[in-house]
Amino acid sequence: MAPEARRVPADWQHPKQRVFNHYTHCMEDAYKPLYRGEEYQSDANTWDEGYAKWKAGRCPDCCTIEDCALTYEQYEDKRPHHDDYMPNWPINERTHLMMYENTTEGTPISPAFATAEELARWLTDNNATWFASSTCTYETWLRVCLDALPRDR
């Protein structure tokens, strides 16, 4: 998956957590992966609907007999929790852009910038990676940054 630009407030500080680094064998601070905040309610509703069907004995068609013997949490994992999502700020508070990798839930690969052009320039100048060690041109980064802006601009 390609990185994605997310709209954030100017003062957004993505949270960090303590993790064990298997290369250095030490604990260190690392960005906590977070899903997009605007997806939380939809994800929770989808989980709740699936749970209600499961509880009523209606397993998805793709389930095996063994699958249907599991609890819904064993089959589908735990219910989405708001702590695993970015805040769902009002649109008018999302004044800046920050680039996120999204091969996990999402961690930032850039600071926040007021314009798509500033973010694209920073990504280019800092050889930000698109995938693995691949980088992009300014024009490619700019297209990705502009995709995060409202369509009425």
Foldseek 3Di string as FASTA:
>chain_A
DWKAKAFAAQPDDQDWDWDQDPVVRDIDIDGQQAAEQVCQVVQLVVLVVQQVCLVVVNHPPVDDPVLNVDHSCVNPNDRDDNVRHDHPDDPVRRQWIFIWDPPDNTDTPGRTDRDLLVRLVVQQVVCPAGPDNHGDDSVVSSVRSVVNDDPVD
